[in-house]
PDB file of N, CA and C in Angstrom:
ATOM      1  N   UNK A   1      81.560 110.488  59.081  1.00  0.00           N
ATOM      2  CA  UNK A   1      81.289 110.907  60.814  1.00  0.00           C
ATOM      3  C   UNK A   1      82.965 110.323  61.260  1.00  0.00           C
ATOM      4  N   UNK A   2      83.131 111.023  62.300  1.00  0.00           N
ATOM      5  CA  UNK A   2      84.617 110.613  62.669  1.00  0.00           C
ATOM      6  C   UNK A   2      84.544 109.492  64.106  1.00  0.00           C
ATOM      7  N   UNK A   3      85.490 108.592  63.700  1.00  0.00           N
ATOM      8  CA  UNK A   3      85.710 107.746  64.837  1.00  0.00           C
ATOM      9  C   UNK A   3      86.438 108.271  66.074  1.00  0.00           C
ATOM     10  N   UNK A   4      85.943 108.058  67.409  1.00  0.00           N
ATOM     11  CA  UNK A   4      86.375 108.811  68.856  1.00  0.00           C
ATOM     12  C   UNK A   4      87.872 108.389  69.167  1.00  0.00           C
ATOM     13  N   UNK A   5      88.318 107.227  68.464  1.00  0.00           N
ATOM     14  CA  UNK A   5      89.551 106.675  68.739  1.00  0.00           C
ATOM     15  C   UNK A   5      90.543 107.249  67.664  1.00  0.00           C
ATOM     16  N   UNK A   6      90.231 107.576  66.458  1.00  0.00           N
ATOM     17  CA  UNK A   6      90.960 107.938  65.252  1.00  0.00           C
ATOM     18  C   UNK A   6      92.173 108.559  65.466  1.00  0.00           C
ATOM     19  N   UNK A   7      92.092 109.656  66.471  1.00  0.00           N
ATOM     20  CA  UNK A   7      93.264 110.653  66.977  1.00  0.00           C
ATOM     21  C   UNK A   7      93.758 109.776  67.711  1.00  0.00           C
ATOM     22  N   UNK A   8      93.911 108.755  68.570  1.00  0.00           N
ATOM     23  CA  UNK A   8      94.542 108.406  69.550  1.00  0.00           C
ATOM     24  C   UNK A   8      95.988 107.651  69.426  1.00  0.00           C
ATOM     25  N   UNK A   9      96.858 107.749  70.242  1.00  0.00           N
ATOM     26  CA  UNK A   9      98.107 107.461  69.882  1.00  0.00           C
ATOM     27  C   UNK A   9      98.076 105.749  70.508  1.00  0.00           C
ATOM     28  N   UNK A  10      98.818 104.749  69.910  1.00  0.00           N
ATOM     29  CA  UNK A  10      98.605 103.229  70.294  1.00  0.00           C
ATOM     30  C   UNK A  10      99.206 103.329  71.460  1.00  0.00           C
ATOM     31  N   UNK A  11      98.675 102.404  72.227  1.00  0.00           N
ATOM     32  CA  UNK A  11      98.761 102.105  73.491  1.00  0.00           C
ATOM     33  C   UNK A  11      98.819 100.266  73.996  1.00  0.00           C
ATOM     34  N   UNK A  12     100.763 100.253  74.426  1.00  0.00           N
ATOM     35  CA  UNK A  12     100.661  98.951  74.754  1.00  0.00           C
ATOM     36  C   UNK A  12      99.760  98.161  75.653  1.00  0.00           C
ATOM     37  N   UNK A  13      99.486  96.971  74.939  1.00  0.00           N
ATOM     38  CA  UNK A  13      98.425  96.007  75.670  1.00  0.00           C
ATOM     39  C   UNK A  13      98.782  95.862  77.360  1.00  0.00           C
ATOM     40  N   UNK A  14      99.782  95.880  77.849  1.00  0.00           N
ATOM     41  CA  UNK A  14     100.446  95.782  78.931  1.00  0.00           C
ATOM     42  C   UNK A  14      99.719  96.476  79.765  1.00  0.00           C
ATOM     43  N   UNK A  15      99.697  97.876  79.400  1.00  0.00           N
ATOM     44  CA  UNK A  15      99.309  98.889  80.091  1.00  0.00           C
ATOM     45  C   UNK A  15      97.631  99.203  80.121  1.00  0.00           C
ATOM     46  N   UNK A  16      97.037  98.376  79.326  1.00  0.00           N
ATOM     47  CA  UNK A  16      95.361  98.192  79.022  1.00  0.00           C
ATOM     48  C   UNK A  16      95.102  97.252  79.946  1.00  0.00           C
ATOM     49  N   UNK A  17      95.914  96.008  80.077  1.00  0.00           N
ATOM     50  CA  UNK A  17      95.810  94.792  80.678  1.00  0.00           C
ATOM     51  C   UNK A  17      96.187  94.972  82.548  1.00  0.00           C
ATOM     52  N   UNK A  18      96.690  95.878  82.596  1.00  0.00           N
ATOM     53  CA  UNK A  18      97.216  96.147  84.003  1.00  0.00           C
ATOM     54  C   UNK A  18      95.982  97.200  84.582  1.00  0.00           C
ATOM     55  N   UNK A  19      95.616  98.035  83.684  1.00  0.00           N
ATOM     56  CA  UNK A  19      94.418  98.897  83.945  1.00  0.00           C
ATOM     57  C   UNK A  19      93.271  98.341  84.211  1.00  0.00           C
ATOM     58  N   UNK A  20      92.579  97.386  83.517  1.00  0.00           N
ATOM     59  CA  UNK A  20      91.720  96.943  83.378  1.00  0.00           C
ATOM     60  C   UNK A  20      91.631  95.649  84.942  1.00  0.00           C
ATOM     61  N   UNK A  21      92.986  95.429  85.072  1.00  0.00           N
ATOM     62  CA  UNK A  21      93.164  94.598  86.371  1.00  0.00           C
ATOM     63  C   UNK A  21      92.876  95.267  87.950  1.00  0.00           C
ATOM     64  N   UNK A  22      93.470  96.580  87.580  1.00  0.00           N
ATOM     65  CA  UNK A  22      93.646  97.674  88.731  1.00  0.00           C
ATOM     66  C   UNK A  22      91.841  97.485  89.020  1.00  0.00           C
ATOM     67  N   UNK A  23      91.529  98.073  88.016  1.00  0.00           N
ATOM     68  CA  UNK A  23      89.720  98.947  88.035  1.00  0.00           C
ATOM     69  C   UNK A  23      88.997  97.332  88.459  1.00  0.00           C
ATOM     70  N   UNK A  24      89.261  96.152  88.314  1.00  0.00           N
ATOM     71  CA  UNK A  24      88.354  95.265  88.819  1.00  0.00           C
ATOM     72  C   UNK A  24      88.908  94.397  89.941  1.00  0.00           C
ATOM     73  N   UNK A  25      90.100  94.887  90.327  1.00  0.00           N
ATOM     74  CA  UNK A  25      90.323  93.982  91.527  1.00  0.00           C
ATOM     75  C   UNK A  25      90.153  94.772  93.153  1.00  0.00           C
ATOM     76  N   UNK A  26      89.914  93.749  93.739  1.00  0.00           N
ATOM     77  CA  UNK A  26      89.324  94.379  95.180  1.00  0.00           C
ATOM     78  C   UNK A  26      90.209  94.836  96.101  1.00  0.00           C
ATOM     79  N   UNK A  27      91.541  94.952  95.969  1.00  0.00           N
ATOM     80  CA  UNK A  27      92.690  95.310  96.671  1.00  0.00           C
ATOM     81  C   UNK A  27      93.246  96.664  96.632  1.00  0.00           C
ATOM     82  N   UNK A  28      94.129  97.319  96.964  1.00  0.00           N
ATOM     83  CA  UNK A  28      94.945  98.157  96.696  1.00  0.00           C
ATOM     84  C   UNK A  28      96.046  97.723  96.586  1.00  0.00           C
ATOM     85  N   UNK A  29      96.616  96.508  96.675  1.00  0.00           N
ATOM     86  CA  UNK A  29      97.541  95.819  96.792  1.00  0.00           C
ATOM     87  C   UNK A  29      98.425  96.075  95.243  1.00  0.00           C
ATOM     88  N   UNK A  30      99.784  95.889  95.426  1.00  0.00           N
ATOM     89  CA  UNK A  30     100.463  95.582  93.904  1.00  0.00           C
ATOM     90  C   UNK A  30      99.887  94.496  93.433  1.00  0.00           C
ATOM     91  N   UNK A  31     100.132  94.280  91.910  1.00  0.00           N
ATOM     92  CA  UNK A  31      99.992  93.309  91.463  1.00  0.00           C
ATOM     93  C   UNK A  31     101.030  92.363  90.792  1.00  0.00           C
ATOM     94  N   UNK A  32     101.022  91.554  90.499  1.00  0.00           N
ATOM     95  CA  UNK A  32     102.193  90.877  89.517  1.00  0.00           C
ATOM     96  C   UNK A  32     103.065  91.543  88.723  1.00  0.00           C
ATOM     97  N   UNK A  33     102.182  91.992  87.753  1.00  0.00           N
ATOM     98  CA  UNK A  33     102.734  92.792  86.815  1.00  0.00           C
ATOM     99  C   UNK A  33     103.746  94.155  87.011  1.00  0.00           C
ATOM    100  N   UNK A  34     103.095  94.774  88.347  1.00  0.00           N
ATOM    101  CA  UNK A  34     103.900  95.711  88.807  1.00  0.00           C
ATOM    102  C   UNK A  34     105.427  95.171  89.767  1.00  0.00           C
ATOM    103  N   UNK A  35     105.282  94.068  90.345  1.00  0.00           N
ATOM    104  CA  UNK A  35     106.435  93.163  90.855  1.00  0.00           C
ATOM    105  C   UNK A  35     107.458  92.905  89.734  1.00  0.00           C
ATOM    106  N   UNK A  36     106.717  92.185  88.990  1.00  0.00           N
ATOM    107  CA  UNK A  36     107.520  91.644  87.751  1.00  0.00           C
ATOM    108  C   UNK A  36     108.520  93.143  86.805  1.00  0.00           C
ATOM    109  N   UNK A  37     107.657  93.959  86.928  1.00  0.00           N
ATOM    110  CA  UNK A  37     108.716  95.107  86.452  1.00  0.00           C
ATOM    111  C   UNK A  37     110.034  95.491  87.431  1.00  0.00           C
ATOM    112  N   UNK A  38     109.963  95.334  88.596  1.00  0.00           N
ATOM    113  CA  UNK A  38     110.928  95.708  89.560  1.00  0.00           C
ATOM    114  C   UNK A  38     111.621  94.425  90.354  1.00  0.00           C
ATOM    115  N   UNK A  39     111.226  93.404  89.562  1.00  0.00           N
ATOM    116  CA  UNK A  39     111.842  92.032  90.106  1.00  0.00           C
ATOM    117  C   UNK A  39     113.414  92.148  89.822  1.00  0.00           C
ATOM    118  N   UNK A  40     113.913  92.386  88.324  1.00  0.00           N
ATOM    119  CA  UNK A  40     115.604  92.555  88.271  1.00  0.00           C
ATOM    120  C   UNK A  40     116.008  93.266  89.192  1.00  0.00           C
ATOM    121  N   UNK A  41     115.491  94.748  89.466  1.00  0.00           N
ATOM    122  CA  UNK A  41     116.361  95.700  90.149  1.00  0.00           C
ATOM    123  C   UNK A  41     116.361  95.598  91.799  1.00  0.00           C
ATOM    124  N   UNK A  42     115.413  94.369  92.222  1.00  0.00           N
ATOM    125  CA  UNK A  42     114.960  94.110  93.403  1.00  0.00           C
ATOM    126  C   UNK A  42     116.290  92.984  94.015  1.00  0.00           C
ATOM    127  N   UNK A  43     116.352  92.142  92.804  1.00  0.00           N
ATOM    128  CA  UNK A  43     117.076  90.786  92.989  1.00  0.00           C
ATOM    129  C   UNK A  43     118.527  90.749  92.141  1.00  0.00           C
ATOM    130  N   UNK A  44     118.629  91.402  91.266  1.00  0.00           N
ATOM    131  CA  UNK A  44     119.636  91.223  90.443  1.00  0.00           C
ATOM    132  C   UNK A  44     119.345  90.732  88.860  1.00  0.00           C
ATOM    133  N   UNK A  45     120.339  90.894  88.154  1.00  0.00           N
ATOM    134  CA  UNK A  45     119.910  90.354  87.091  1.00  0.00           C
ATOM    135  C   UNK A  45     120.352  88.843  87.243  1.00  0.00           C
ATOM    136  N   UNK A  46     121.378  88.164  87.742  1.00  0.00           N
ATOM    137  CA  UNK A  46     121.533  86.800  87.924  1.00  0.00           C
ATOM    138  C   UNK A  46     120.273  85.961  88.114  1.00  0.00           C
ATOM    139  N   UNK A  47     119.750  86.265  89.480  1.00  0.00           N
ATOM    140  CA  UNK A  47     118.671  85.853  89.951  1.00  0.00           C
ATOM    141  C   UNK A  47     117.584  85.871  89.192  1.00  0.00           C
ATOM    142  N   UNK A  48     117.100  87.191  88.501  1.00  0.00           N
ATOM    143  CA  UNK A  48     116.011  87.397  87.748  1.00  0.00           C
ATOM    144  C   UNK A  48     116.313  86.575  86.661  1.00  0.00           C
ATOM    145  N   UNK A  49     117.388  86.276  86.251  1.00  0.00           N
ATOM    146  CA  UNK A  49     117.249  85.117  84.882  1.00  0.00           C
ATOM    147  C   UNK A  49     116.892  83.818  85.025  1.00  0.00           C
ATOM    148  N   UNK A  50     116.701  83.505  86.444  1.00  0.00           N
ATOM    149  CA  UNK A  50     116.376  81.942  86.998  1.00  0.00           C
ATOM    150  C   UNK A  50     115.347  82.029  87.542  1.00  0.00           C
ATOM    151  N   UNK A  51     114.483  83.217  87.647  1.00  0.00           N
ATOM    152  CA  UNK A  51     112.807  83.188  88.393  1.00  0.00           C
ATOM    153  C   UNK A  51     112.245  84.230  87.731  1.00  0.00           C
ATOM    154  N   UNK A  52     111.045  84.019  87.972  1.00  0.00           N
ATOM    155  CA  UNK A  52     109.569  84.457  87.817  1.00  0.00           C
ATOM    156  C   UNK A  52     108.649  84.847  88.568  1.00  0.00           C
ATOM    157  N   UNK A  53     108.624  85.992  88.916  1.00  0.00           N
ATOM    158  CA  UNK A  53     107.139  86.653  90.195  1.00  0.00           C
ATOM    159  C   UNK A  53     106.043  85.591  89.286  1.00  0.00           C
ATOM    160  N   UNK A  54     105.244  85.389  89.604  1.00  0.00           N
ATOM    161  CA  UNK A  54     104.236  84.137  89.427  1.00  0.00           C
ATOM    162  C   UNK A  54     102.750  84.510  89.238  1.00  0.00           C
ATOM    163  N   UNK A  55     102.611  84.700  91.001  1.00  0.00           N
ATOM    164  CA  UNK A  55     101.077  85.352  91.421  1.00  0.00           C
ATOM    165  C   UNK A  55     101.080  85.821  92.377  1.00  0.00           C
ATOM    166  N   UNK A  56     100.272  86.314  92.870  1.00  0.00           N
ATOM    167  CA  UNK A  56     100.269  86.944  94.434  1.00  0.00           C
ATOM    168  C   UNK A  56      99.031  86.088  95.144  1.00  0.00           C
ATOM    169  N   UNK A  57      99.023  85.381  96.347  1.00  0.00           N
ATOM    170  CA  UNK A  57      97.704  85.138  97.154  1.00  0.00           C
ATOM    171  C   UNK A  57      97.648  85.709  98.258  1.00  0.00           C
ATOM    172  N   UNK A  58      96.919  86.986  98.631  1.00  0.00           N
ATOM    173  CA  UNK A  58      96.976  87.813  99.780  1.00  0.00           C
ATOM    174  C   UNK A  58      98.193  88.144  99.524  1.00  0.00           C
ATOM    175  N   UNK A  59      98.922  88.097 100.605  1.00  0.00           N
ATOM    176  CA  UNK A  59     100.130  89.013 101.004  1.00  0.00           C
ATOM    177  C   UNK A  59     101.628  87.855 100.594  1.00  0.00           C
ATOM    178  N   UNK A  60     101.622  86.951  99.876  1.00  0.00           N
ATOM    179  CA  UNK A  60     102.125  85.973  99.746  1.00  0.00           C
ATOM    180  C   UNK A  60     102.522  85.781  98.472  1.00  0.00           C
ATOM    181  N   UNK A  61     103.757  86.413  97.667  1.00  0.00           N
ATOM    182  CA  UNK A  61     104.172  86.519  96.157  1.00  0.00           C
ATOM    183  C   UNK A  61     104.737  85.096  96.269  1.00  0.00           C
ATOM    184  N   UNK A  62     104.230  83.943  94.698  1.00  0.00           N
ATOM    185  CA  UNK A  62     104.487  83.087  94.366  1.00  0.00           C
ATOM    186  C   UNK A  62     105.684  83.224  93.144  1.00  0.00           C
ATOM    187  N   UNK A  63     106.893  82.644  93.400  1.00  0.00           N
ATOM    188  CA  UNK A  63     108.164  82.641  92.545  1.00  0.00           C
ATOM    189  C   UNK A  63     108.231  81.411  91.785  1.00  0.00           C
ATOM    190  N   UNK A  64     108.188  81.436  90.673  1.00  0.00           N
ATOM    191  CA  UNK A  64     108.902  80.057  89.944  1.00  0.00           C
ATOM    192  C   UNK A  64     110.538  80.312  89.684  1.00  0.00           C
ATOM    193  N   UNK A  65     110.797  79.328  90.183  1.00  0.00           N
ATOM    194  CA  UNK A  65     112.664  79.454  89.823  1.00  0.00           C
ATOM    195  C   UNK A  65     112.723  78.122  89.062  1.00  0.00           C
ATOM    196  N   UNK A  66     114.150  78.268  88.230  1.00  0.00           N
ATOM    197  CA  UNK A  66     114.510  76.968  86.963  1.00  0.00           C
ATOM    198  C   UNK A  66     114.920  75.578  87.860  1.00  0.00           C
ATOM    199  N   UNK A  67     115.603  76.013  88.775  1.00  0.00           N
ATOM    200  CA  UNK A  67     115.920  74.253  89.400  1.00  0.00           C
ATOM    201  C   UNK A  67     115.685  74.634  91.237  1.00  0.00           C
ATOM    202  N   UNK A  68     115.843  73.041  91.555  1.00  0.00           N
ATOM    203  CA  UNK A  68     116.026  73.258  92.999  1.00  0.00           C
ATOM    204  C   UNK A  68     117.263  73.682  93.539  1.00  0.00           C
ATOM    205  N   UNK A  69     118.251  74.027  93.196  1.00  0.00           N
ATOM    206  CA  UNK A  69     119.202  74.860  93.535  1.00  0.00           C
ATOM    207  C   UNK A  69     118.992  76.442  94.065  1.00  0.00           C
ATOM    208  N   UNK A  70     118.381  76.976  92.749  1.00  0.00           N
ATOM    209  CA  UNK A  70     117.788  78.339  93.234  1.00  0.00           C
ATOM    210  C   UNK A  70     116.575  78.222  94.141  1.00  0.00           C
ATOM    211  N   UNK A  71     115.533  77.504  94.291  1.00  0.00           N
ATOM    212  CA  UNK A  71     114.788  77.513  94.898  1.00  0.00           C
ATOM    213  C   UNK A  71     115.425  77.271  96.654  1.00  0.00           C
ATOM    214  N   UNK A  72     116.564  76.426  96.878  1.00  0.00           N
ATOM    215  CA  UNK A  72     117.388  76.192  98.306  1.00  0.00           C
ATOM    216  C   UNK A  72     117.835  77.733  98.573  1.00  0.00           C
ATOM    217  N   UNK A  73     118.765  78.501  97.546  1.00  0.00           N
ATOM    218  CA  UNK A  73     119.488  79.646  97.764  1.00  0.00           C
ATOM    219  C   UNK A  73     118.590  80.725  98.130  1.00  0.00           C
ATOM    220  N   UNK A  74     117.193  80.649  97.180  1.00  0.00           N
ATOM    221  CA  UNK A  74     116.407  82.079  97.486  1.00  0.00           C
ATOM    222  C   UNK A  74     115.697  82.067  98.551  1.00  0.00           C
ATOM    223  N   UNK A  75     115.490  80.930  99.228  1.00  0.00           N
ATOM    224  CA  UNK A  75     114.935  80.149 100.637  1.00  0.00           C
ATOM    225  C   UNK A  75     115.568  81.079 101.602  1.00  0.00           C
ATOM    226  N   UNK A  76     117.081  81.323 101.553  1.00  0.00           N
ATOM    227  CA  UNK A  76     117.877  82.052 102.403  1.00  0.00           C
ATOM    228  C   UNK A  76     117.649  83.426 102.485  1.00  0.00           C
ATOM    229  N   UNK A  77     117.797  83.927 101.062  1.00  0.00           N
ATOM    230  CA  UNK A  77     117.487  85.509 100.690  1.00  0.00           C
ATOM    231  C   UNK A  77     116.029  86.070 100.865  1.00  0.00           C
ATOM    232  N   UNK A  78     114.918  84.919 101.084  1.00  0.00           N
ATOM    233  CA  UNK A  78     114.047  85.486 101.217  1.00  0.00           C
ATOM    234  C   UNK A  78     113.314  86.815 101.961  1.00  0.00           C
ATOM    235  N   UNK A  79     113.627  87.315 103.214  1.00  0.00           N
ATOM    236  CA  UNK A  79     113.558  88.110 103.760  1.00  0.00           C
ATOM    237  C   UNK A  79     113.991  89.678 103.301  1.00  0.00           C
ATOM    238  N   UNK A  80     115.111  89.472 103.017  1.00  0.00           N
ATOM    239  CA  UNK A  80     115.880  90.634 101.871  1.00  0.00           C
ATOM    240  C   UNK A  80     115.138  90.512 101.024  1.00  0.00           C
ATOM    241  N   UNK A  81     114.455  89.612  99.939  1.00  0.00           N
ATOM    242  CA  UNK A  81     114.158  90.230  98.875  1.00  0.00           C
ATOM    243  C   UNK A  81     112.480  90.666  99.025  1.00  0.00           C
ATOM    244  N   UNK A  82     111.838  90.456 100.364  1.00  0.00           N
ATOM    245  CA  UNK A  82     110.560  90.919 100.808  1.00  0.00           C
ATOM    246  C   UNK A  82     110.751  92.432 101.251  1.00  0.00           C
ATOM    247  N   UNK A  83     111.758  92.739 101.587  1.00  0.00           N
ATOM    248  CA  UNK A  83     112.135  93.846 101.978  1.00  0.00           C
ATOM    249  C   UNK A  83     112.401  95.037 100.751  1.00  0.00           C
ATOM    250  N   UNK A  84     112.904  94.614  99.965  1.00  0.00           N
ATOM    251  CA  UNK A  84     113.523  95.184  98.901  1.00  0.00           C
ATOM    252  C   UNK A  84     112.081  95.398  97.911  1.00  0.00           C
ATOM    253  N   UNK A  85     111.292  94.391  98.079  1.00  0.00           N
ATOM    254  CA  UNK A  85     110.415  94.072  96.879  1.00  0.00           C
ATOM    255  C   UNK A  85     109.352  95.537  97.592  1.00  0.00           C
ATOM    256  N   UNK A  86     109.315  95.366  98.740  1.00  0.00           N
ATOM    257  CA  UNK A  86     108.278  96.524  99.416  1.00  0.00           C
ATOM    258  C   UNK A  86     108.612  97.719  99.566  1.00  0.00           C
ATOM    259  N   UNK A  87     109.932  97.772  99.596  1.00  0.00           N
ATOM    260  CA  UNK A  87     110.712  99.253  99.640  1.00  0.00           C
ATOM    261  C   UNK A  87     110.208 100.086  98.261  1.00  0.00           C
ATOM    262  N   UNK A  88     110.796  99.215  97.445  1.00  0.00           N
ATOM    263  CA  UNK A  88     110.721  99.933  95.975  1.00  0.00           C
ATOM    264  C   UNK A  88     108.707  99.980  95.475  1.00  0.00           C
ATOM    265  N   UNK A  89     108.138  99.413  96.040  1.00  0.00           N
ATOM    266  CA  UNK A  89     106.561  99.537  95.842  1.00  0.00           C
ATOM    267  C   UNK A  89     106.223 100.405  96.481  1.00  0.00           C
ATOM    268  N   UNK A  90     106.717 101.057  97.689  1.00  0.00           N
ATOM    269  CA  UNK A  90     106.373 102.143  98.244  1.00  0.00           C
ATOM    270  C   UNK A  90     105.346 101.666  99.773  1.00  0.00           C
ATOM    271  N   UNK A  91     105.033 100.488  99.744  1.00  0.00           N
ATOM    272  CA  UNK A  91     104.008  99.751 100.839  1.00  0.00           C
ATOM    273  C   UNK A  91     104.324  98.236 100.996  1.00  0.00           C
ATOM    274  N   UNK A  92     103.948  98.073 102.352  1.00  0.00           N
ATOM    275  CA  UNK A  92     103.970  96.809 102.785  1.00  0.00           C
ATOM    276  C   UNK A  92     103.032  95.829 101.618  1.00  0.00           C
ATOM    277  N   UNK A  93     103.517  95.595 100.763  1.00  0.00           N
ATOM    278  CA  UNK A  93     102.393  94.487  99.928  1.00  0.00           C
ATOM    279  C   UNK A  93     102.765  92.788 100.141  1.00  0.00           C
ATOM    280  N   UNK A  94     103.890  92.557 100.101  1.00  0.00           N
ATOM    281  CA  UNK A  94     104.548  91.105 100.589  1.00  0.00           C
ATOM    282  C   UNK A  94     105.076  90.912 101.933  1.00  0.00           C
ATOM    283  N   UNK A  95     104.000  89.863 102.377  1.00  0.00           N
ATOM    284  CA  UNK A  95     104.695  89.415 103.747  1.00  0.00           C
ATOM    285  C   UNK A  95     105.766  88.288 103.642  1.00  0.00           C
ATOM    286  N   UNK A  96     105.775  87.744 102.530  1.00  0.00           N
ATOM    287  CA  UNK A  96     106.668  86.660 102.632  1.00  0.00           C
ATOM    288  C   UNK A  96     106.766  85.985 101.141  1.00  0.00           C
ATOM    289  N   UNK A  97     107.544  85.247 100.735  1.00  0.00           N
ATOM    290  CA  UNK A  97     107.607  84.584  99.095  1.00  0.00           C
ATOM    291  C   UNK A  97     107.497  82.929  99.460  1.00  0.00           C
ATOM    292  N   UNK A  98     106.991  82.054  98.339  1.00  0.00           N
ATOM    293  CA  UNK A  98     106.877  81.145  98.292  1.00  0.00           C
ATOM    294  C   UNK A  98     107.173  80.468  97.227  1.00  0.00           C
ATOM    295  N   UNK A  99     108.341  79.874  96.935  1.00  0.00           N
ATOM    296  CA  UNK A  99     109.475  79.410  95.754  1.00  0.00           C
ATOM    297  C   UNK A  99     108.888  78.117  95.495  1.00  0.00           C
ATOM    298  N   UNK A 100     108.739  77.845  94.094  1.00  0.00           N
ATOM    299  CA  UNK A 100     108.465  76.776  93.697  1.00  0.00           C
ATOM    300  C   UNK A 100     109.431  76.685  92.407  1.00  0.00           C
ATOM    301  N   UNK A 101     109.575  75.125  91.974  1.00  0.00           N
ATOM    302  CA  UNK A 101     110.535  74.843  90.831  1.00  0.00           C
ATOM    303  C   UNK A 101     109.516  74.661  89.560  1.00  0.00           C
ATOM    304  N   UNK A 102     109.783  75.400  88.439  1.00  0.00           N
ATOM    305  CA  UNK A 102     108.835  75.413  87.148  1.00  0.00           C
ATOM    306  C   UNK A 102     109.958  75.700  86.163  1.00  0.00           C
ATOM    307  N   UNK A 103     109.992  74.635  84.787  1.00  0.00           N
ATOM    308  CA  UNK A 103     110.933  74.730  84.058  1.00  0.00           C
ATOM    309  C   UNK A 103     110.435  75.911  82.814  1.00  0.00           C
ATOM    310  N   UNK A 104     111.627  76.604  82.953  1.00  0.00           N
ATOM    311  CA  UNK A 104     111.024  77.645  81.929  1.00  0.00           C
ATOM    312  C   UNK A 104     112.328  78.028  80.997  1.00  0.00           C
ATOM    313  N   UNK A 105     112.305  78.806  79.611  1.00  0.00           N
ATOM    314  CA  UNK A 105     113.747  78.962  79.100  1.00  0.00           C
ATOM    315  C   UNK A 105     114.237  80.185  79.896  1.00  0.00           C
ATOM    316  N   UNK A 106     115.520  80.238  79.980  1.00  0.00           N
ATOM    317  CA  UNK A 106     116.096  81.101  80.906  1.00  0.00           C
ATOM    318  C   UNK A 106     115.953  82.683  79.936  1.00  0.00           C
ATOM    319  N   UNK A 107     115.567  82.293  78.549  1.00  0.00           N
ATOM    320  CA  UNK A 107     115.716  83.717  77.461  1.00  0.00           C
ATOM    321  C   UNK A 107     114.114  83.942  77.325  1.00  0.00           C
ATOM    322  N   UNK A 108     113.365  83.490  78.124  1.00  0.00           N
ATOM    323  CA  UNK A 108     111.875  84.199  78.249  1.00  0.00           C
ATOM    324  C   UNK A 108     112.449  85.658  78.654  1.00  0.00           C
ATOM    325  N   UNK A 109     111.211  86.341  78.033  1.00  0.00           N
ATOM    326  CA  UNK A 109     111.340  87.965  78.871  1.00  0.00           C
ATOM    327  C   UNK A 109     110.577  88.281  79.949  1.00  0.00           C
ATOM    328  N   UNK A 110     111.224  88.650  80.298  1.00  0.00           N
ATOM    329  CA  UNK A 110     110.568  88.937  82.133  1.00  0.00           C
ATOM    330  C   UNK A 110     109.540  90.142  81.952  1.00  0.00           C
TER     331      UNK A 110
END
C-alpha cells in the first residue's frame, strides 16, 4: 500500500503555519508573518536588528523594540514605516504602529 504523502517534497513549517492561519483567519489582511518577511526591507537592517513585529490588532501593528531610545526614535518614523509596509503589502493593512520595549537578543532570527 502506497502512502499518499510518500512522494511529496518536504515543506518548511513556516509555510504550513502561514497557510493554516490564512485558512482560519476571518480577515483578508496580512498577518504578522508576512510583515516579518518584509520588515527589514521596509525599515532597514539597523532598525530591524533592534525591532520585531509582534502582532496585529485590527489595523494596529505592535512592534517590540530593544530599548526606550529606539521606541522614541521609531515613534517619529511611524508614518513613514506604515506607508512603506502598506506599499510593500499592496494594500492598506496597517493604520498605525504601537511600539513597546521588550528585551530580546539582537542575534535572534527575524
